[in-house]
C-alpha atoms as a PDB file:
ATOM      1  CA  UNK A   1      30.806  -2.014 -20.863  1.00  0.00           C
ATOM      2  CA  UNK A   2      30.049   1.550 -19.905  1.00  0.00           C
ATOM      3  CA  UNK A   3      30.292   2.612 -16.288  1.00  0.00           C
ATOM      4  CA  UNK A   4      28.060   5.193 -14.713  1.00  0.00           C
ATOM      5  CA  UNK A   5      27.852   6.985 -11.406  1.00  0.00           C
ATOM      6  CA  UNK A   6      24.360   7.076  -9.825  1.00  0.00           C
ATOM      7  CA  UNK A   7      24.878  10.774  -9.153  1.00  0.00           C
ATOM      8  CA  UNK A   8      25.134  11.402 -12.919  1.00  0.00           C
ATOM      9  CA  UNK A   9      21.456  10.548 -13.339  1.00  0.00           C
ATOM     10  CA  UNK A  10      18.579  12.956 -12.910  1.00  0.00           C
ATOM     11  CA  UNK A  11      16.053  10.340 -11.727  1.00  0.00           C
ATOM     12  CA  UNK A  12      17.522   7.587  -9.557  1.00  0.00           C
ATOM     13  CA  UNK A  13      14.542   5.245  -9.803  1.00  0.00           C
ATOM     14  CA  UNK A  14      14.341   2.011 -11.757  1.00  0.00           C
ATOM     15  CA  UNK A  15      12.132   3.572 -14.425  1.00  0.00           C
ATOM     16  CA  UNK A  16      14.090   6.824 -14.457  1.00  0.00           C
ATOM     17  CA  UNK A  17      17.424   5.030 -14.809  1.00  0.00           C
ATOM     18  CA  UNK A  18      16.112   2.793 -17.573  1.00  0.00           C
ATOM     19  CA  UNK A  19      14.809   5.724 -19.596  1.00  0.00           C
ATOM     20  CA  UNK A  20      17.955   7.830 -19.069  1.00  0.00           C
ATOM     21  CA  UNK A  21      20.269   4.946 -20.035  1.00  0.00           C
ATOM     22  CA  UNK A  22      18.320   4.440 -23.248  1.00  0.00           C
ATOM     23  CA  UNK A  23      18.371   8.171 -23.968  1.00  0.00           C
ATOM     24  CA  UNK A  24      22.120   8.511 -23.294  1.00  0.00           C
ATOM     25  CA  UNK A  25      23.372   5.395 -25.035  1.00  0.00           C
ATOM     26  CA  UNK A  26      20.679   4.490 -27.565  1.00  0.00           C
ATOM     27  CA  UNK A  27      19.415   8.029 -28.243  1.00  0.00           C
ATOM     28  CA  UNK A  28      15.794   7.027 -27.759  1.00  0.00           C
ATOM     29  CA  UNK A  29      13.294   6.088 -25.094  1.00  0.00           C
ATOM     30  CA  UNK A  30      12.774   2.378 -24.461  1.00  0.00           C
ATOM     31  CA  UNK A  31       9.742   0.576 -25.805  1.00  0.00           C
ATOM     32  CA  UNK A  32       7.365  -0.766 -23.162  1.00  0.00           C
ATOM     33  CA  UNK A  33       8.306  -4.332 -24.164  1.00  0.00           C
ATOM     34  CA  UNK A  34      11.959  -3.542 -23.509  1.00  0.00           C
ATOM     35  CA  UNK A  35      11.168  -2.126 -20.083  1.00  0.00           C
ATOM     36  CA  UNK A  36       9.149  -5.240 -19.254  1.00  0.00           C
ATOM     37  CA  UNK A  37      12.042  -7.501 -20.316  1.00  0.00           C
ATOM     38  CA  UNK A  38      14.552  -5.471 -18.296  1.00  0.00           C
ATOM     39  CA  UNK A  39      12.273  -5.502 -15.266  1.00  0.00           C
ATOM     40  CA  UNK A  40      11.737  -9.251 -15.557  1.00  0.00           C
ATOM     41  CA  UNK A  41      15.457  -9.932 -15.999  1.00  0.00           C
ATOM     42  CA  UNK A  42      16.335  -7.735 -13.022  1.00  0.00           C
ATOM     43  CA  UNK A  43      13.736  -9.433 -10.845  1.00  0.00           C
ATOM     44  CA  UNK A  44      15.085 -12.851 -11.852  1.00  0.00           C
ATOM     45  CA  UNK A  45      18.641 -11.802 -10.969  1.00  0.00           C
ATOM     46  CA  UNK A  46      17.438 -10.632  -7.566  1.00  0.00           C
ATOM     47  CA  UNK A  47      15.437 -13.834  -7.051  1.00  0.00           C
ATOM     48  CA  UNK A  48      18.586 -15.887  -7.630  1.00  0.00           C
ATOM     49  CA  UNK A  49      20.273 -13.958  -4.816  1.00  0.00           C
ATOM     50  CA  UNK A  50      17.319 -13.489  -2.478  1.00  0.00           C
ATOM     51  CA  UNK A  51      19.274 -15.145   0.354  1.00  0.00           C
ATOM     52  CA  UNK A  52      21.556 -12.089   0.457  1.00  0.00           C
ATOM     53  CA  UNK A  53      18.801  -9.698   1.540  1.00  0.00           C
ATOM     54  CA  UNK A  54      18.717  -8.995   5.250  1.00  0.00           C
ATOM     55  CA  UNK A  55      16.494  -6.940   7.482  1.00  0.00           C
ATOM     56  CA  UNK A  56      17.859  -3.653   8.737  1.00  0.00           C
ATOM     57  CA  UNK A  57      18.174  -4.546  12.403  1.00  0.00           C
ATOM     58  CA  UNK A  58      14.851  -4.224  14.250  1.00  0.00           C
ATOM     59  CA  UNK A  59      13.106  -2.613  11.256  1.00  0.00           C
ATOM     60  CA  UNK A  60      10.259  -5.136  11.092  1.00  0.00           C
ATOM     61  CA  UNK A  61       9.485  -4.679  14.786  1.00  0.00           C
ATOM     62  CA  UNK A  62       9.650  -0.902  14.320  1.00  0.00           C
ATOM     63  CA  UNK A  63       7.284  -1.031  11.342  1.00  0.00           C
ATOM     64  CA  UNK A  64       4.836  -3.120  13.339  1.00  0.00           C
ATOM     65  CA  UNK A  65       5.065  -0.736  16.301  1.00  0.00           C
ATOM     66  CA  UNK A  66       4.723   2.445  14.259  1.00  0.00           C
ATOM     67  CA  UNK A  67       1.782   1.055  12.287  1.00  0.00           C
ATOM     68  CA  UNK A  68      -0.118   0.768  15.595  1.00  0.00           C
ATOM     69  CA  UNK A  69       0.621   4.371  16.651  1.00  0.00           C
ATOM     70  CA  UNK A  70      -2.674   6.334  16.578  1.00  0.00           C
ATOM     71  CA  UNK A  71      -1.101   9.561  15.271  1.00  0.00           C
ATOM     72  CA  UNK A  72       0.992   8.010  12.512  1.00  0.00           C
ATOM     73  CA  UNK A  73       0.106   6.723   9.047  1.00  0.00           C
ATOM     74  CA  UNK A  74       2.666   4.444   7.425  1.00  0.00           C
ATOM     75  CA  UNK A  75       3.347   4.243   3.712  1.00  0.00           C
ATOM     76  CA  UNK A  76       6.183   3.119   1.475  1.00  0.00           C
ATOM     77  CA  UNK A  77       7.592   5.071  -1.450  1.00  0.00           C
ATOM     78  CA  UNK A  78      10.324   3.299  -3.384  1.00  0.00           C
ATOM     79  CA  UNK A  79      12.336   4.199  -6.423  1.00  0.00           C
ATOM     80  CA  UNK A  80      12.450   0.496  -7.212  1.00  0.00           C
ATOM     81  CA  UNK A  81       9.935  -1.310  -9.341  1.00  0.00           C
ATOM     82  CA  UNK A  82       7.066  -2.747  -7.317  1.00  0.00           C
ATOM     83  CA  UNK A  83       7.897  -6.320  -8.330  1.00  0.00           C
ATOM     84  CA  UNK A  84      11.504  -6.092  -7.135  1.00  0.00           C
ATOM     85  CA  UNK A  85      10.583  -4.168  -3.999  1.00  0.00           C
ATOM     86  CA  UNK A  86       8.058  -6.876  -3.087  1.00  0.00           C
ATOM     87  CA  UNK A  87      10.647  -9.586  -3.690  1.00  0.00           C
ATOM     88  CA  UNK A  88      13.248  -7.927  -1.463  1.00  0.00           C
ATOM     89  CA  UNK A  89      10.763  -7.103   1.277  1.00  0.00           C
ATOM     90  CA  UNK A  90       9.224 -10.574   1.290  1.00  0.00           C
ATOM     91  CA  UNK A  91      12.733 -12.039   1.605  1.00  0.00           C
ATOM     92  CA  UNK A  92      13.103 -10.314   4.982  1.00  0.00           C
ATOM     93  CA  UNK A  93       9.530 -10.901   6.134  1.00  0.00           C
ATOM     94  CA  UNK A  94       7.736  -7.679   5.184  1.00  0.00           C
ATOM     95  CA  UNK A  95       4.480  -8.030   3.231  1.00  0.00           C
ATOM     96  CA  UNK A  96       4.127  -4.775   1.304  1.00  0.00           C
ATOM     97  CA  UNK A  97       0.556  -5.562   0.287  1.00  0.00           C
ATOM     98  CA  UNK A  98      -0.479  -4.724   3.860  1.00  0.00           C
ATOM     99  CA  UNK A  99       0.591  -1.078   3.399  1.00  0.00           C
ATOM    100  CA  UNK A 100       0.197   1.896   1.099  1.00  0.00           C
ATOM    101  CA  UNK A 101       2.927   1.537  -1.502  1.00  0.00           C
ATOM    102  CA  UNK A 102       3.936   3.557  -4.534  1.00  0.00           C
ATOM    103  CA  UNK A 103       6.917   2.696  -6.673  1.00  0.00           C
ATOM    104  CA  UNK A 104       8.776   3.383  -9.865  1.00  0.00           C
ATOM    105  CA  UNK A 105       5.892   1.579 -11.596  1.00  0.00           C
ATOM    106  CA  UNK A 106       3.754   4.599 -10.686  1.00  0.00           C
ATOM    107  CA  UNK A 107       6.204   7.343 -11.709  1.00  0.00           C
ATOM    108  CA  UNK A 108       9.815   7.832 -12.763  1.00  0.00           C
ATOM    109  CA  UNK A 109      10.358  10.844 -10.453  1.00  0.00           C
ATOM    110  CA  UNK A 110      11.184  10.092  -6.799  1.00  0.00           C
ATOM    111  CA  UNK A 111       9.398  13.197  -5.480  1.00  0.00           C
ATOM    112  CA  UNK A 112       6.232  12.280  -7.361  1.00  0.00           C
ATOM    113  CA  UNK A 113       6.349   8.734  -5.925  1.00  0.00           C
ATOM    114  CA  UNK A 114       6.456  10.192  -2.400  1.00  0.00           C
ATOM    115  CA  UNK A 115       3.667  12.636  -3.250  1.00  0.00           C
ATOM    116  CA  UNK A 116       1.503   9.756  -4.518  1.00  0.00           C
ATOM    117  CA  UNK A 117       1.852   7.918  -1.183  1.00  0.00           C
ATOM    118  CA  UNK A 118       0.998  11.090   0.715  1.00  0.00           C
ATOM    119  CA  UNK A 119      -2.047  11.703  -1.511  1.00  0.00           C
ATOM    120  CA  UNK A 120      -3.235   8.142  -0.933  1.00  0.00           C
ATOM    121  CA  UNK A 121      -2.832   8.501   2.851  1.00  0.00           C
ATOM    122  CA  UNK A 122      -4.631  11.851   2.884  1.00  0.00           C
ATOM    123  CA  UNK A 123      -7.480  10.373   0.875  1.00  0.00           C
ATOM    124  CA  UNK A 124      -7.693   7.384   3.222  1.00  0.00           C
ATOM    125  CA  UNK A 125      -8.216   9.716   6.185  1.00  0.00           C
ATOM    126  CA  UNK A 126     -10.190  12.368   4.287  1.00  0.00           C
ATOM    127  CA  UNK A 127      -7.624  15.037   5.213  1.00  0.00           C
ATOM    128  CA  UNK A 128      -6.221  18.051   3.381  1.00  0.00           C
ATOM    129  CA  UNK A 129      -2.754  17.798   4.942  1.00  0.00           C
ATOM    130  CA  UNK A 130      -0.696  16.077   7.632  1.00  0.00           C
ATOM    131  CA  UNK A 131       0.897  17.951  10.511  1.00  0.00           C
ATOM    132  CA  UNK A 132       4.252  16.479   9.562  1.00  0.00           C
ATOM    133  CA  UNK A 133       5.678  13.912   7.172  1.00  0.00           C
ATOM    134  CA  UNK A 134       8.885  11.973   7.808  1.00  0.00           C
ATOM    135  CA  UNK A 135      10.684   9.946   5.166  1.00  0.00           C
ATOM    136  CA  UNK A 136      13.324   7.305   5.909  1.00  0.00           C
ATOM    137  CA  UNK A 137      15.968   6.770   3.237  1.00  0.00           C
ATOM    138  CA  UNK A 138      19.509   5.640   2.652  1.00  0.00           C
ATOM    139  CA  UNK A 139      20.479   7.591  -0.450  1.00  0.00           C
ATOM    140  CA  UNK A 140      21.623  11.137  -1.017  1.00  0.00           C
ATOM    141  CA  UNK A 141      18.812  11.391  -3.583  1.00  0.00           C
ATOM    142  CA  UNK A 142      16.338  10.581  -0.787  1.00  0.00           C
ATOM    143  CA  UNK A 143      17.662  13.476   1.283  1.00  0.00           C
ATOM    144  CA  UNK A 144      17.667  15.884  -1.669  1.00  0.00           C
ATOM    145  CA  UNK A 145      14.096  14.903  -2.554  1.00  0.00           C
ATOM    146  CA  UNK A 146      12.805  15.474   0.976  1.00  0.00           C
ATOM    147  CA  UNK A 147      14.455  18.893   1.028  1.00  0.00           C
ATOM    148  CA  UNK A 148      12.706  19.748  -2.235  1.00  0.00           C
ATOM    149  CA  UNK A 149       9.362  18.555  -0.841  1.00  0.00           C
ATOM    150  CA  UNK A 150       9.880  20.252   2.533  1.00  0.00           C
ATOM    151  CA  UNK A 151       9.410  17.078   4.571  1.00  0.00           C
ATOM    152  CA  UNK A 152      11.398  15.628   7.464  1.00  0.00           C
ATOM    153  CA  UNK A 153      14.125  13.105   6.735  1.00  0.00           C
ATOM    154  CA  UNK A 154      15.746  10.366   8.803  1.00  0.00           C
ATOM    155  CA  UNK A 155      18.777   8.824   7.164  1.00  0.00           C
ATOM    156  CA  UNK A 156      19.484   5.120   7.435  1.00  0.00           C
ATOM    157  CA  UNK A 157      23.241   4.455   7.277  1.00  0.00           C
ATOM    158  CA  UNK A 158      23.457   0.676   7.671  1.00  0.00           C
ATOM    159  CA  UNK A 159      26.983   0.499   6.262  1.00  0.00           C
ATOM    160  CA  UNK A 160      28.337   3.345   8.437  1.00  0.00           C
ATOM    161  CA  UNK A 161      29.769   5.129   5.421  1.00  0.00           C
ATOM    162  CA  UNK A 162      28.781   8.564   6.816  1.00  0.00           C
ATOM    163  CA  UNK A 163      27.721   9.855   3.376  1.00  0.00           C
ATOM    164  CA  UNK A 164      24.456  11.245   4.776  1.00  0.00           C
ATOM    165  CA  UNK A 165      26.079  12.801   7.826  1.00  0.00           C
ATOM    166  CA  UNK A 166      28.778  14.323   5.626  1.00  0.00           C
ATOM    167  CA  UNK A 167      26.040  15.844   3.467  1.00  0.00           C
ATOM    168  CA  UNK A 168      24.470  17.555   6.497  1.00  0.00           C
ATOM    169  CA  UNK A 169      21.766  15.095   7.527  1.00  0.00           C
ATOM    170  CA  UNK A 170      21.223  15.650  11.248  1.00  0.00           C
ATOM    171  CA  UNK A 171      19.033  12.632  12.016  1.00  0.00           C
ATOM    172  CA  UNK A 172      20.808   9.428  11.037  1.00  0.00           C
ATOM    173  CA  UNK A 173      20.361   5.895  12.353  1.00  0.00           C
ATOM    174  CA  UNK A 174      22.279   2.701  11.628  1.00  0.00           C
ATOM    175  CA  UNK A 175      19.358   0.447  12.600  1.00  0.00           C
ATOM    176  CA  UNK A 176      15.991   0.635  14.345  1.00  0.00           C
ATOM    177  CA  UNK A 177      17.083  -0.404  17.849  1.00  0.00           C
ATOM    178  CA  UNK A 178      16.733   3.088  19.350  1.00  0.00           C
ATOM    179  CA  UNK A 179      12.966   3.107  19.076  1.00  0.00           C
ATOM    180  CA  UNK A 180      12.324   5.913  21.583  1.00  0.00           C
ATOM    181  CA  UNK A 181      14.787   8.257  19.873  1.00  0.00           C
ATOM    182  CA  UNK A 182      13.211   7.607  16.474  1.00  0.00           C
ATOM    183  CA  UNK A 183       9.672   8.024  17.819  1.00  0.00           C
ATOM    184  CA  UNK A 184      10.706  11.304  19.458  1.00  0.00           C
ATOM    185  CA  UNK A 185      12.027  12.575  16.137  1.00  0.00           C
ATOM    186  CA  UNK A 186       8.821  11.571  14.363  1.00  0.00           C
ATOM    187  CA  UNK A 187       6.339  12.826  16.957  1.00  0.00           C
ATOM    188  CA  UNK A 188       8.202  15.968  18.045  1.00  0.00           C
ATOM    189  CA  UNK A 189       6.394  17.948  15.360  1.00  0.00           C
ATOM    190  CA  UNK A 190       3.040  16.656  16.611  1.00  0.00           C
ATOM    191  CA  UNK A 191       3.455  18.219  20.053  1.00  0.00           C
END
């Protein structure tokens, strides 16, 4: 079995990883049938272990609160496949079909996935741009992507491994208990 470091990959999304693994080790791109089988197998593995997924503390309450805020539009951009993201979110009580969601099904590039959510939100409100955009993420690739896009970033360090802080992320949370602090970070640019 070959071992790989996530940081060795250009596109850390389910589609991006699948394509890069095929290119590196099979010297070709995967056929769509192969991607579908991999996606199905991965989803089944996750389904067998769905009991292991837990909510980031207070995140569901925060999502509900922020979705009611008049100056905020909420969307989800995930590097995971939509099917696996839905499975994981449903396991903790979040119904993604109630929100704007773009995933690795929509594009292999993380920045493009975020841009697709933003485009959908802008279209929904018939706007040309938002005053500010904030992205929550737990990976170094999330931080790097937001820097490339020029959007705000709040790191989520559930495991207290300090990797985001050590990389220079200034706004990092371990959970969503400090609602006022997080709201201040998000709405500061709106003032």
